[in-house]
Amino acid sequence: MVETTKNGEALWRFALALWKRPGVERAALLLQDQHGISVCLLLAALWLAREGVAPEAGLAGALRDEAEKWERERIGPLRQLRRLASSRPQWGDWQRSLQDAELEAERLLLAELAAAAGARPLPRAAQPENAHAWLLTVLPEMASCENLAAATQALLAEAAQP
């Protein structure tokens, strides 16, 4: 089983550290805004690769389903409201509150994804770093979409760094 701490803290720390690396925020937001990909799903896949878990279609499908549900029902509506609030300078306080709520929702989603991974025995990877394989498993459309594959390259490059 994947080593997780209470409420997915290990995944959250990994996500925060990766997010700070050059090019990651830009690449992740491009994938989110232009391709409709859940950033949390990508971060979870990269974390599983870092943890040495072999890509597994059943887990990938469960993670993708959970991420899509959260994006549709919780995070997406908050993001839409935050963007609306950003269009009006007098709504600055509301925008900051919505931004905080969106970030908290993403933290909660990461905790859910970590719990889903930690709830089952997972095969260890033959090669410790299999980030590309994990991204292909959670985003199978990446194999046939050149733009999507290119957009993931910055994430893969940074995730490969120690």
Protein backbone atom coordinates (compact mmCIF):
# COMPACT_ATOMS: atom_id res chain seq x y z
CA MET A 1 0.00 0.00 0.00
CA VAL A 2 1.05 3.58 -0.60
CA GLU A 3 2.31 5.31 2.51
CA THR A 4 -0.15 8.11 3.25
CA THR A 5 -0.49 10.32 6.26
CA LYS A 6 -3.64 11.72 7.78
CA ASN A 7 -5.85 13.47 5.19
CA GLY A 8 -3.44 12.99 2.33
CA GLU A 9 -0.74 15.21 3.81
CA ALA A 10 1.99 13.39 1.88
CA LEU A 11 0.29 14.10 -1.44
CA TRP A 12 -0.47 17.68 -0.40
CA ARG A 13 3.20 18.33 0.48
CA PHE A 14 4.30 16.76 -2.81
CA ALA A 15 1.79 18.91 -4.74
CA LEU A 16 2.91 22.13 -3.06
CA ALA A 17 6.58 21.38 -3.67
CA LEU A 18 6.01 20.47 -7.32
CA TRP A 19 3.78 23.52 -7.88
CA LYS A 20 6.66 25.82 -6.86
CA ARG A 21 8.99 24.48 -9.55
CA PRO A 22 9.55 26.54 -12.70
CA GLY A 23 6.95 25.98 -15.40
CA VAL A 24 4.69 23.66 -13.40
CA GLU A 25 1.96 26.18 -12.56
CA ARG A 26 1.83 27.42 -16.14
CA ALA A 27 1.72 23.91 -17.60
CA ALA A 28 -0.88 22.68 -15.11
CA LEU A 29 -3.17 25.65 -15.66
CA LEU A 30 -2.82 25.26 -19.44
CA LEU A 31 -3.90 21.62 -19.12
CA GLN A 32 -6.78 22.67 -16.88
CA ASP A 33 -8.02 25.61 -18.94
CA GLN A 34 -7.40 24.37 -22.48
CA HIS A 35 -7.92 20.63 -22.05
CA GLY A 36 -10.28 20.41 -19.06
CA ILE A 37 -7.85 18.22 -17.11
CA SER A 38 -8.00 18.11 -13.33
CA VAL A 39 -4.71 19.43 -11.96
CA CYS A 40 -5.28 17.37 -8.81
CA LEU A 41 -5.56 14.20 -10.90
CA LEU A 42 -2.25 14.98 -12.60
CA LEU A 43 -0.56 15.72 -9.29
CA ALA A 44 -1.88 12.48 -7.79
CA ALA A 45 -0.59 10.48 -10.78
CA LEU A 46 2.84 12.10 -10.51
CA TRP A 47 2.88 11.41 -6.76
CA LEU A 48 2.04 7.75 -7.30
CA ALA A 49 4.90 7.54 -9.78
CA ARG A 50 7.23 9.17 -7.25
CA GLU A 51 6.05 6.65 -4.63
CA GLY A 52 7.10 3.83 -6.97
CA VAL A 53 3.58 2.54 -7.64
CA ALA A 54 3.11 0.79 -10.96
CA PRO A 55 0.38 2.30 -13.14
CA GLU A 56 -2.85 0.39 -12.62
CA ALA A 57 -5.92 0.95 -14.80
CA GLY A 58 -8.47 0.25 -12.07
CA LEU A 59 -6.99 2.79 -9.69
CA ALA A 60 -6.48 5.29 -12.52
CA GLY A 61 -10.15 5.03 -13.46
CA ALA A 62 -11.27 5.46 -9.86
CA LEU A 63 -9.02 8.50 -9.43
CA ARG A 64 -10.22 10.01 -12.68
CA ASP A 65 -13.89 9.47 -11.76
CA GLU A 66 -13.39 11.06 -8.34
CA ALA A 67 -11.46 14.02 -9.76
CA GLU A 68 -14.07 14.63 -12.47
CA LYS A 69 -16.87 14.52 -9.87
CA TRP A 70 -15.08 17.02 -7.63
CA GLU A 71 -14.30 19.30 -10.58
CA ARG A 72 -17.89 19.23 -11.78
CA GLU A 73 -19.65 19.55 -8.42
CA ARG A 74 -17.28 21.49 -6.18
CA ILE A 75 -14.09 22.96 -7.59
CA GLY A 76 -15.40 24.05 -10.99
CA PRO A 77 -18.26 26.14 -9.55
CA LEU A 78 -15.87 27.83 -7.10
CA ARG A 79 -13.40 28.55 -9.92
CA GLN A 80 -16.18 30.00 -12.08
CA LEU A 81 -17.30 32.30 -9.25
CA ARG A 82 -13.71 33.34 -8.49
CA ARG A 83 -13.15 34.27 -12.12
CA LEU A 84 -16.39 36.24 -12.15
CA ALA A 85 -15.35 38.05 -8.97
CA SER A 86 -11.97 38.92 -10.53
CA SER A 87 -13.77 40.95 -13.19
CA ARG A 88 -14.97 43.49 -10.64
CA PRO A 89 -12.37 45.35 -8.54
CA GLN A 90 -14.90 46.02 -5.78
CA TRP A 91 -15.29 42.24 -5.33
CA GLY A 92 -11.62 41.75 -4.37
CA ASP A 93 -12.37 40.44 -0.88
CA TRP A 94 -14.91 37.98 -2.26
CA GLN A 95 -12.44 36.86 -4.91
CA ARG A 96 -9.80 36.16 -2.23
CA SER A 97 -12.33 34.19 -0.18
CA LEU A 98 -13.30 32.16 -3.23
CA GLN A 99 -9.65 31.57 -4.06
CA ASP A 100 -9.06 30.27 -0.53
CA ALA A 101 -12.14 28.04 -0.80
CA GLU A 102 -10.98 26.70 -4.18
CA LEU A 103 -7.54 25.89 -2.79
CA GLU A 104 -9.10 24.14 0.21
CA ALA A 105 -11.36 22.12 -2.11
CA GLU A 106 -8.29 21.06 -4.08
CA ARG A 107 -6.54 20.02 -0.86
CA LEU A 108 -9.59 17.96 0.10
CA LEU A 109 -9.68 16.34 -3.34
CA LEU A 110 -6.01 15.42 -3.04
CA ALA A 111 -6.79 13.86 0.34
CA GLU A 112 -9.60 11.84 -1.28
CA LEU A 113 -7.29 10.70 -4.07
CA ALA A 114 -4.57 9.71 -1.60
CA ALA A 115 -7.13 7.79 0.46
CA ALA A 116 -8.34 5.96 -2.65
CA ALA A 117 -4.76 4.97 -3.46
CA GLY A 118 -4.00 3.99 0.12
CA ALA A 119 -7.10 1.84 0.43
CA ARG A 120 -5.84 -0.90 -1.86
CA PRO A 121 -2.69 -2.92 -2.29
CA LEU A 122 -0.79 -1.53 -5.24
CA PRO A 123 1.91 -3.13 -7.34
CA ARG A 124 5.39 -1.68 -7.09
CA ALA A 125 6.90 -0.41 -10.30
CA ALA A 126 9.88 -2.14 -11.86
CA GLN A 127 11.31 1.32 -12.48
CA PRO A 128 10.87 3.83 -9.67
CA GLU A 129 10.08 6.80 -11.92
CA ASN A 130 7.17 6.00 -14.21
CA ALA A 131 5.49 9.42 -14.37
CA HIS A 132 4.84 9.26 -18.11
CA ALA A 133 3.19 5.86 -17.79
CA TRP A 134 0.99 7.12 -14.95
CA LEU A 135 -0.09 10.16 -16.96
CA LEU A 136 -0.95 7.90 -19.89
CA THR A 137 -2.98 5.71 -17.54
CA VAL A 138 -5.06 8.57 -16.09
CA LEU A 139 -5.17 10.46 -19.42
CA PRO A 140 -5.35 7.79 -22.13
CA GLU A 141 -6.32 10.48 -24.65
CA MET A 142 -2.76 11.81 -24.28
CA ALA A 143 -1.57 8.99 -26.56
CA SER A 144 -3.61 10.30 -29.48
CA CYS A 145 -3.53 14.05 -28.83
CA GLU A 146 -0.27 15.73 -29.74
CA ASN A 147 -1.22 19.01 -28.02
CA LEU A 148 -2.10 17.23 -24.78
CA ALA A 149 1.11 15.20 -24.86
CA ALA A 150 3.18 18.34 -25.46
CA ALA A 151 1.40 20.18 -22.65
CA THR A 152 2.35 17.48 -20.14
CA GLN A 153 6.07 17.67 -20.95
CA ALA A 154 6.81 20.51 -18.49
CA LEU A 155 5.10 18.59 -15.72
CA LEU A 156 7.02 15.43 -16.54
CA ALA A 157 10.33 17.28 -16.70
CA GLU A 158 9.84 18.86 -13.29
CA ALA A 159 8.41 15.72 -11.71
CA ALA A 160 11.55 13.84 -12.76
CA GLN A 161 13.73 16.19 -10.71
CA PRO A 162 14.65 14.96 -7.22
